[in-house]
């Protein structure tokens, strides 16, 4: 598997991005300001992530997604670790990520990759998304914020 930056003019993997963020409006807003990276094997795109500079020396990993038939194969972990590596090489001092309170698998993954919980943005998903989001039988209401020093 290779992970590379999306080439200029290359079609955005919107279906994949929408697996991690169900709002095409929100994805389209941050994708223009961030850098999109894709994981591929042969000619098949397996996963994606987006790095978004937010403040001086800080970048946020705003979207990590893997195609559904590749779940559980370690691709998500490789994407997160690659994002950390890229952020370091670009000179960032901190990488942040946020995920829903209902995203128990992602919370575990991010902590395994060295991220630590730094806060909770209460009712984030209620304020920013028109549709209720449910995952693992839990309503996604709060954004769990995590961070890692590079």
Protein backbone atom coordinates (compact mmCIF):
# COMPACT_ATOMS: atom_id res chain seq x y z
CA UNK A 1 0.00 0.00 0.00
CA UNK A 2 1.23 3.48 -0.89
CA UNK A 3 0.08 6.73 0.69
CA UNK A 4 0.47 9.88 -1.40
CA UNK A 5 -0.82 13.42 -1.66
CA UNK A 6 -3.77 13.87 -3.99
CA UNK A 7 -2.48 15.35 -7.24
CA UNK A 8 -3.62 18.75 -8.48
CA UNK A 9 -6.67 18.27 -10.69
CA UNK A 10 -7.21 14.70 -9.48
CA UNK A 11 -10.78 13.81 -8.55
CA UNK A 12 -11.51 14.15 -4.85
CA UNK A 13 -12.57 10.83 -3.21
CA UNK A 14 -15.79 12.41 -1.88
CA UNK A 15 -17.60 9.11 -1.19
CA UNK A 16 -14.72 8.06 1.03
CA UNK A 17 -14.47 11.44 2.77
CA UNK A 18 -18.19 11.28 3.53
CA UNK A 19 -17.67 8.01 5.43
CA UNK A 20 -15.81 10.01 8.10
CA UNK A 21 -17.84 13.21 7.86
CA UNK A 22 -21.46 12.96 6.67
CA UNK A 23 -21.72 16.66 5.69
CA UNK A 24 -20.60 17.37 2.13
CA UNK A 25 -20.89 21.10 2.95
CA UNK A 26 -18.40 20.82 5.81
CA UNK A 27 -16.04 18.56 3.82
CA UNK A 28 -16.06 20.97 0.87
CA UNK A 29 -15.30 23.86 3.23
CA UNK A 30 -12.16 22.32 4.78
CA UNK A 31 -10.89 20.40 1.76
CA UNK A 32 -9.98 23.62 -0.05
CA UNK A 33 -7.78 24.74 2.87
CA UNK A 34 -6.20 21.37 3.66
CA UNK A 35 -4.10 18.72 1.99
CA UNK A 36 -5.70 15.42 1.00
CA UNK A 37 -3.72 12.16 1.07
CA UNK A 38 -4.88 8.83 -0.30
CA UNK A 39 -3.85 5.26 0.40
CA UNK A 40 -3.93 3.00 -2.60
CA UNK A 41 -3.05 -0.51 -3.58
CA UNK A 42 -2.66 -0.92 -7.30
CA UNK A 43 -5.35 1.29 -8.80
CA UNK A 44 -7.76 0.94 -5.86
CA UNK A 45 -8.12 3.74 -3.32
CA UNK A 46 -8.32 2.16 0.14
CA UNK A 47 -8.33 5.18 2.41
CA UNK A 48 -7.96 8.91 2.78
CA UNK A 49 -6.96 11.58 5.28
CA UNK A 50 -6.90 15.36 5.29
CA UNK A 51 -4.46 17.63 7.13
CA UNK A 52 -5.70 21.15 7.82
CA UNK A 53 -3.41 23.89 9.21
CA UNK A 54 -5.37 25.62 11.99
CA UNK A 55 -2.95 27.87 13.89
CA UNK A 56 0.78 28.60 13.73
CA UNK A 57 2.67 25.30 14.17
CA UNK A 58 -0.58 23.33 14.63
CA UNK A 59 -2.26 21.06 12.10
CA UNK A 60 -5.48 19.12 12.48
CA UNK A 61 -6.20 15.68 11.06
CA UNK A 62 -9.79 16.42 10.04
CA UNK A 63 -10.80 13.31 8.13
CA UNK A 64 -9.63 9.70 8.22
CA UNK A 65 -11.60 7.12 6.25
CA UNK A 66 -11.12 3.58 4.98
CA UNK A 67 -13.34 1.77 2.47
CA UNK A 68 -15.71 -0.49 4.31
CA UNK A 69 -14.48 -3.83 2.92
CA UNK A 70 -10.99 -3.02 4.27
CA UNK A 71 -12.02 -2.36 7.89
CA UNK A 72 -9.95 -4.15 10.51
CA UNK A 73 -6.83 -4.53 8.36
CA UNK A 74 -4.75 -1.78 9.98
CA UNK A 75 -5.18 0.74 7.17
CA UNK A 76 -6.67 3.39 9.48
CA UNK A 77 -3.68 3.09 11.80
CA UNK A 78 -1.28 3.43 8.86
CA UNK A 79 -3.13 6.55 7.70
CA UNK A 80 -3.00 8.16 11.16
CA UNK A 81 0.69 7.34 11.60
CA UNK A 82 1.45 8.69 8.12
CA UNK A 83 -0.39 11.92 8.98
CA UNK A 84 1.78 12.26 12.10
CA UNK A 85 4.92 11.65 10.01
CA UNK A 86 3.89 14.19 7.34
CA UNK A 87 3.02 16.80 10.00
CA UNK A 88 6.48 16.34 11.57
CA UNK A 89 8.27 16.68 8.22
CA UNK A 90 6.33 19.89 7.51
CA UNK A 91 7.59 21.36 10.79
CA UNK A 92 4.38 21.38 12.80
CA UNK A 93 4.79 21.14 16.58
CA UNK A 94 1.33 19.73 17.37
CA UNK A 95 -1.21 17.58 15.57
CA UNK A 96 -4.82 17.57 16.73
CA UNK A 97 -7.83 15.45 15.90
CA UNK A 98 -11.47 15.44 16.92
CA UNK A 99 -13.98 12.62 16.87
CA UNK A 100 -17.48 11.96 18.09
CA UNK A 101 -18.28 10.66 21.55
CA UNK A 102 -19.90 7.66 19.83
CA UNK A 103 -16.78 6.77 17.82
CA UNK A 104 -15.39 4.28 20.31
CA UNK A 105 -13.17 2.48 17.78
CA UNK A 106 -11.63 5.71 16.55
CA UNK A 107 -11.03 6.94 20.11
CA UNK A 108 -9.10 3.76 20.83
CA UNK A 109 -7.14 4.00 17.56
CA UNK A 110 -6.08 7.60 18.10
CA UNK A 111 -4.90 6.87 21.63
CA UNK A 112 -2.95 3.83 20.40
CA UNK A 113 -1.27 6.18 17.91
CA UNK A 114 -0.10 8.52 20.69
CA UNK A 115 -2.92 11.06 20.91
CA UNK A 116 -4.23 12.21 24.30
CA UNK A 117 -7.66 13.60 25.13
CA UNK A 118 -7.44 17.34 25.75
CA UNK A 119 -11.09 18.40 25.88
CA UNK A 120 -14.70 18.02 24.89
CA UNK A 121 -16.67 20.39 22.65
CA UNK A 122 -20.13 19.79 24.13
CA UNK A 123 -22.99 19.46 21.62
CA UNK A 124 -20.66 20.09 18.63
CA UNK A 125 -22.55 17.67 16.37
CA UNK A 126 -25.94 19.03 17.48
CA UNK A 127 -24.85 22.59 16.58
CA UNK A 128 -23.09 21.84 13.27
CA UNK A 129 -25.08 19.00 11.68
CA UNK A 130 -28.74 19.18 10.70
CA UNK A 131 -29.30 15.42 10.98
CA UNK A 132 -28.84 13.40 14.16
CA UNK A 133 -25.88 11.03 13.93
CA UNK A 134 -25.91 7.62 15.63
CA UNK A 135 -22.98 5.25 15.85
CA UNK A 136 -22.60 2.09 17.91
CA UNK A 137 -26.13 2.71 19.22
CA UNK A 138 -25.02 6.03 20.73
CA UNK A 139 -26.09 9.49 19.62
CA UNK A 140 -23.07 11.48 18.47
CA UNK A 141 -23.38 14.79 20.31
CA UNK A 142 -19.95 15.85 21.59
CA UNK A 143 -16.61 16.30 19.85
CA UNK A 144 -13.78 14.62 21.76
CA UNK A 145 -10.60 16.63 21.09
CA UNK A 146 -7.23 14.87 21.09
CA UNK A 147 -3.71 16.15 20.55
CA UNK A 148 -0.14 14.92 20.14
CA UNK A 149 3.10 16.89 20.45
CA UNK A 150 5.41 16.22 17.53
